[in-house]
Amino acid sequence: MTERAAPFYCPYCGDEDLRPEEDHAGAWLCTGCRRVFSVQFVGLSIPQTNEVSGP
């Protein structure tokens, strides 16, 4: 199992000083704006294609 990926900046103020939030699993504390947020991977969006096979 790999470590979770860390966000590089706060999505609200852009500050880069982020720390793991101990009270909420998977959450991050921005020391600039004091917001606590989490980032979640939802999935992949694969476009559907209408391929025609053969001539």
PDB file of N, CA and C in Angstrom:
ATOM      1  N   MET A   1       0.847  -1.173   0.000  1.00  0.00           N
ATOM      2  CA  MET A   1       0.000   0.000   0.000  1.00  0.00           C
ATOM      3  C   MET A   1       0.892   1.236   0.000  1.00  0.00           C
ATOM      4  N   THR A   2       0.511   2.255  -0.759  1.00  0.00           N
ATOM      5  CA  THR A   2       1.306   3.476  -0.842  1.00  0.00           C
ATOM      6  C   THR A   2       0.732   4.555   0.063  1.00  0.00           C
ATOM      7  N   GLU A   3       1.559   5.539   0.343  1.00  0.00           N
ATOM      8  CA  GLU A   3       1.112   6.689   1.130  1.00  0.00           C
ATOM      9  C   GLU A   3       0.116   7.497   0.319  1.00  0.00           C
ATOM     10  N   ARG A   4      -0.750   8.231   0.996  1.00  0.00           N
ATOM     11  CA  ARG A   4      -1.693   9.074   0.261  1.00  0.00           C
ATOM     12  C   ARG A   4      -0.963  10.268  -0.337  1.00  0.00           C
ATOM     13  N   ALA A   5      -1.437  10.741  -1.428  1.00  0.00           N
ATOM     14  CA  ALA A   5      -0.834  11.893  -2.087  1.00  0.00           C
ATOM     15  C   ALA A   5      -1.221  13.169  -1.342  1.00  0.00           C
ATOM     16  N   ALA A   6      -0.294  14.073  -1.218  1.00  0.00           N
ATOM     17  CA  ALA A   6      -0.538  15.332  -0.519  1.00  0.00           C
ATOM     18  C   ALA A   6      -0.837  16.435  -1.529  1.00  0.00           C
ATOM     19  N   PRO A   7      -1.826  17.275  -1.237  1.00  0.00           N
ATOM     20  CA  PRO A   7      -2.079  18.417  -2.123  1.00  0.00           C
ATOM     21  C   PRO A   7      -0.926  19.410  -2.022  1.00  0.00           C
ATOM     22  N   PHE A   8      -0.667  20.128  -3.099  1.00  0.00           N
ATOM     23  CA  PHE A   8       0.437  21.088  -3.127  1.00  0.00           C
ATOM     24  C   PHE A   8       0.037  22.474  -2.633  1.00  0.00           C
ATOM     25  N   TYR A   9      -1.259  22.801  -2.725  1.00  0.00           N
ATOM     26  CA  TYR A   9      -1.708  24.132  -2.304  1.00  0.00           C
ATOM     27  C   TYR A   9      -3.174  24.073  -1.888  1.00  0.00           C
ATOM     28  N   CYS A  10      -3.594  25.077  -1.140  1.00  0.00           N
ATOM     29  CA  CYS A  10      -4.973  25.179  -0.676  1.00  0.00           C
ATOM     30  C   CYS A  10      -5.869  25.566  -1.853  1.00  0.00           C
ATOM     31  N   PRO A  11      -6.989  24.861  -2.060  1.00  0.00           N
ATOM     32  CA  PRO A  11      -7.874  25.200  -3.171  1.00  0.00           C
ATOM     33  C   PRO A  11      -8.655  26.498  -2.945  1.00  0.00           C
ATOM     34  N   TYR A  12      -8.613  27.049  -1.738  1.00  0.00           N
ATOM     35  CA  TYR A  12      -9.358  28.267  -1.429  1.00  0.00           C
ATOM     36  C   TYR A  12      -8.501  29.528  -1.526  1.00  0.00           C
ATOM     37  N   CYS A  13      -7.290  29.487  -0.953  1.00  0.00           N
ATOM     38  CA  CYS A  13      -6.465  30.706  -0.925  1.00  0.00           C
ATOM     39  C   CYS A  13      -5.141  30.551  -1.673  1.00  0.00           C
ATOM     40  N   GLY A  14      -4.773  29.309  -2.033  1.00  0.00           N
ATOM     41  CA  GLY A  14      -3.538  29.085  -2.770  1.00  0.00           C
ATOM     42  C   GLY A  14      -2.292  28.951  -1.911  1.00  0.00           C
ATOM     43  N   ASP A  15      -2.429  29.053  -0.605  1.00  0.00           N
ATOM     44  CA  ASP A  15      -1.270  28.926   0.286  1.00  0.00           C
ATOM     45  C   ASP A  15      -0.698  27.512   0.201  1.00  0.00           C
ATOM     46  N   GLU A  16       0.589  27.384   0.362  1.00  0.00           N
ATOM     47  CA  GLU A  16       1.256  26.090   0.251  1.00  0.00           C
ATOM     48  C   GLU A  16       1.610  25.463   1.589  1.00  0.00           C
ATOM     49  N   ASP A  17       1.292  26.119   2.704  1.00  0.00           N
ATOM     50  CA  ASP A  17       1.602  25.580   4.028  1.00  0.00           C
ATOM     51  C   ASP A  17       0.412  24.758   4.517  1.00  0.00           C
ATOM     52  N   LEU A  18       0.396  23.472   4.155  1.00  0.00           N
ATOM     53  CA  LEU A  18      -0.689  22.573   4.522  1.00  0.00           C
ATOM     54  C   LEU A  18      -0.177  21.523   5.491  1.00  0.00           C
ATOM     55  N   ARG A  19      -1.046  21.138   6.419  1.00  0.00           N
ATOM     56  CA  ARG A  19      -0.680  20.117   7.408  1.00  0.00           C
ATOM     57  C   ARG A  19      -1.827  19.131   7.549  1.00  0.00           C
ATOM     58  N   PRO A  20      -1.521  17.854   7.760  1.00  0.00           N
ATOM     59  CA  PRO A  20      -2.605  16.880   7.967  1.00  0.00           C
ATOM     60  C   PRO A  20      -3.440  17.257   9.178  1.00  0.00           C
ATOM     61  N   GLU A  21      -4.746  17.170   9.038  1.00  0.00           N
ATOM     62  CA  GLU A  21      -5.662  17.470  10.133  1.00  0.00           C
ATOM     63  C   GLU A  21      -5.885  16.201  10.939  1.00  0.00           C
ATOM     64  N   GLU A  22      -5.580  16.238  12.215  1.00  0.00           N
ATOM     65  CA  GLU A  22      -5.638  15.042  13.052  1.00  0.00           C
ATOM     66  C   GLU A  22      -7.058  14.637  13.412  1.00  0.00           C
ATOM     67  N   ASP A  23      -7.977  15.585  13.498  1.00  0.00           N
ATOM     68  CA  ASP A  23      -9.343  15.265  13.930  1.00  0.00           C
ATOM     69  C   ASP A  23     -10.186  14.626  12.824  1.00  0.00           C
ATOM     70  N   HIS A  24      -9.805  14.814  11.570  1.00  0.00           N
ATOM     71  CA  HIS A  24     -10.572  14.283  10.446  1.00  0.00           C
ATOM     72  C   HIS A  24      -9.632  13.487   9.535  1.00  0.00           C
ATOM     73  N   ALA A  25      -9.895  12.210   9.387  1.00  0.00           N
ATOM     74  CA  ALA A  25      -9.036  11.349   8.576  1.00  0.00           C
ATOM     75  C   ALA A  25      -9.039  11.806   7.117  1.00  0.00           C
ATOM     76  N   GLY A  26      -7.854  11.993   6.553  1.00  0.00           N
ATOM     77  CA  GLY A  26      -7.725  12.384   5.156  1.00  0.00           C
ATOM     78  C   GLY A  26      -7.909  13.860   4.892  1.00  0.00           C
ATOM     79  N   ALA A  27      -8.044  14.672   5.934  1.00  0.00           N
ATOM     80  CA  ALA A  27      -8.269  16.107   5.764  1.00  0.00           C
ATOM     81  C   ALA A  27      -6.967  16.878   5.952  1.00  0.00           C
ATOM     82  N   TRP A  28      -6.938  18.073   5.383  1.00  0.00           N
ATOM     83  CA  TRP A  28      -5.764  18.942   5.440  1.00  0.00           C
ATOM     84  C   TRP A  28      -6.149  20.307   6.005  1.00  0.00           C
ATOM     85  N   LEU A  29      -5.264  20.861   6.820  1.00  0.00           N
ATOM     86  CA  LEU A  29      -5.444  22.194   7.391  1.00  0.00           C
ATOM     87  C   LEU A  29      -4.559  23.169   6.647  1.00  0.00           C
ATOM     88  N   CYS A  30      -5.150  24.261   6.152  1.00  0.00           N
ATOM     89  CA  CYS A  30      -4.381  25.338   5.535  1.00  0.00           C
ATOM     90  C   CYS A  30      -4.066  26.346   6.633  1.00  0.00           C
ATOM     91  N   THR A  31      -2.786  26.606   6.872  1.00  0.00           N
ATOM     92  CA  THR A  31      -2.424  27.543   7.925  1.00  0.00           C
ATOM     93  C   THR A  31      -2.629  28.992   7.499  1.00  0.00           C
ATOM     94  N   GLY A  32      -2.831  29.228   6.206  1.00  0.00           N
ATOM     95  CA  GLY A  32      -3.060  30.587   5.717  1.00  0.00           C
ATOM     96  C   GLY A  32      -4.474  31.070   5.998  1.00  0.00           C
ATOM     97  N   CYS A  33      -5.475  30.276   5.600  1.00  0.00           N
ATOM     98  CA  CYS A  33      -6.869  30.695   5.771  1.00  0.00           C
ATOM     99  C   CYS A  33      -7.600  29.895   6.846  1.00  0.00           C
ATOM    100  N   ARG A  34      -6.906  28.914   7.452  1.00  0.00           N
ATOM    101  CA  ARG A  34      -7.421  28.087   8.549  1.00  0.00           C
ATOM    102  C   ARG A  34      -8.573  27.184   8.122  1.00  0.00           C
ATOM    103  N   ARG A  35      -8.741  26.970   6.830  1.00  0.00           N
ATOM    104  CA  ARG A  35      -9.778  26.056   6.365  1.00  0.00           C
ATOM    105  C   ARG A  35      -9.267  24.618   6.437  1.00  0.00           C
ATOM    106  N   VAL A  36     -10.168  23.698   6.709  1.00  0.00           N
ATOM    107  CA  VAL A  36      -9.865  22.281   6.699  1.00  0.00           C
ATOM    108  C   VAL A  36     -10.627  21.691   5.514  1.00  0.00           C
ATOM    109  N   PHE A  37      -9.910  20.967   4.662  1.00  0.00           N
ATOM    110  CA  PHE A  37     -10.536  20.419   3.458  1.00  0.00           C
ATOM    111  C   PHE A  37      -9.994  19.029   3.194  1.00  0.00           C
ATOM    112  N   SER A  38     -10.678  18.304   2.334  1.00  0.00           N
ATOM    113  CA  SER A  38     -10.202  16.994   1.906  1.00  0.00           C
ATOM    114  C   SER A  38     -10.299  16.919   0.389  1.00  0.00           C
ATOM    115  N   VAL A  39      -9.469  16.067  -0.176  1.00  0.00           N
ATOM    116  CA  VAL A  39      -9.453  15.847  -1.616  1.00  0.00           C
ATOM    117  C   VAL A  39      -9.825  14.398  -1.846  1.00  0.00           C
ATOM    118  N   GLN A  40     -10.752  14.158  -2.763  1.00  0.00           N
ATOM    119  CA  GLN A  40     -11.224  12.804  -2.999  1.00  0.00           C
ATOM    120  C   GLN A  40     -11.147  12.477  -4.482  1.00  0.00           C
ATOM    121  N   PHE A  41     -10.584  11.331  -4.786  1.00  0.00           N
ATOM    122  CA  PHE A  41     -10.555  10.837  -6.157  1.00  0.00           C
ATOM    123  C   PHE A  41     -11.878  10.134  -6.417  1.00  0.00           C
ATOM    124  N   VAL A  42     -12.606  10.596  -7.418  1.00  0.00           N
ATOM    125  CA  VAL A  42     -13.921  10.041  -7.714  1.00  0.00           C
ATOM    126  C   VAL A  42     -13.833   8.917  -8.738  1.00  0.00           C
ATOM    127  N   GLY A  43     -13.018   9.092  -9.766  1.00  0.00           N
ATOM    128  CA  GLY A  43     -12.895   8.063 -10.789  1.00  0.00           C
ATOM    129  C   GLY A  43     -12.388   8.658 -12.085  1.00  0.00           C
ATOM    130  N   LEU A  44     -12.426   7.851 -13.133  1.00  0.00           N
ATOM    131  CA  LEU A  44     -11.999   8.286 -14.454  1.00  0.00           C
ATOM    132  C   LEU A  44     -13.217   8.454 -15.345  1.00  0.00           C
ATOM    133  N   SER A  45     -13.170   9.442 -16.205  1.00  0.00           N
ATOM    134  CA  SER A  45     -14.225   9.662 -17.179  1.00  0.00           C
ATOM    135  C   SER A  45     -13.697   9.247 -18.543  1.00  0.00           C
ATOM    136  N   ILE A  46     -14.169   8.103 -19.018  1.00  0.00           N
ATOM    137  CA  ILE A  46     -13.724   7.585 -20.295  1.00  0.00           C
ATOM    138  C   ILE A  46     -14.821   7.859 -21.320  1.00  0.00           C
ATOM    139  N   PRO A  47     -14.508   8.643 -22.347  1.00  0.00           N
ATOM    140  CA  PRO A  47     -15.543   8.973 -23.332  1.00  0.00           C
ATOM    141  C   PRO A  47     -15.988   7.734 -24.100  1.00  0.00           C
ATOM    142  N   GLN A  48     -17.261   7.670 -24.387  1.00  0.00           N
ATOM    143  CA  GLN A  48     -17.788   6.572 -25.175  1.00  0.00           C
ATOM    144  C   GLN A  48     -17.602   6.901 -26.652  1.00  0.00           C
ATOM    145  N   THR A  49     -17.200   5.906 -27.415  1.00  0.00           N
ATOM    146  CA  THR A  49     -17.020   6.120 -28.859  1.00  0.00           C
ATOM    147  C   THR A  49     -17.958   5.202 -29.618  1.00  0.00           C
ATOM    148  N   ASN A  50     -18.381   5.667 -30.763  1.00  0.00           N
ATOM    149  CA  ASN A  50     -19.223   4.873 -31.640  1.00  0.00           C
ATOM    150  C   ASN A  50     -18.369   4.394 -32.797  1.00  0.00           C
ATOM    151  N   GLU A  51     -17.663   3.297 -32.572  1.00  0.00           N
ATOM    152  CA  GLU A  51     -16.771   2.758 -33.597  1.00  0.00           C
ATOM    153  C   GLU A  51     -17.555   1.831 -34.521  1.00  0.00           C
ATOM    154  N   VAL A  52     -17.252   1.943 -35.780  1.00  0.00           N
ATOM    155  CA  VAL A  52     -17.834   1.058 -36.771  1.00  0.00           C
ATOM    156  C   VAL A  52     -16.754   0.090 -37.194  1.00  0.00           C
ATOM    157  N   SER A  53     -17.015  -1.202 -37.046  1.00  0.00           N
ATOM    158  CA  SER A  53     -15.980  -2.172 -37.392  1.00  0.00           C
ATOM    159  C   SER A  53     -16.206  -2.700 -38.813  1.00  0.00           C
ATOM    160  N   GLY A  54     -15.137  -2.727 -39.551  1.00  0.00           N
ATOM    161  CA  GLY A  54     -15.148  -3.262 -40.920  1.00  0.00           C
ATOM    162  C   GLY A  54     -15.767  -2.320 -41.935  1.00  0.00           C
ATOM    163  N   PRO A  55     -15.501  -2.571 -43.229  1.00  0.00           N
ATOM    164  CA  PRO A  55     -16.054  -1.707 -44.299  1.00  0.00           C
ATOM    165  C   PRO A  55     -17.441  -2.117 -44.710  1.00  0.00           C
TER     166      PRO A  55
END
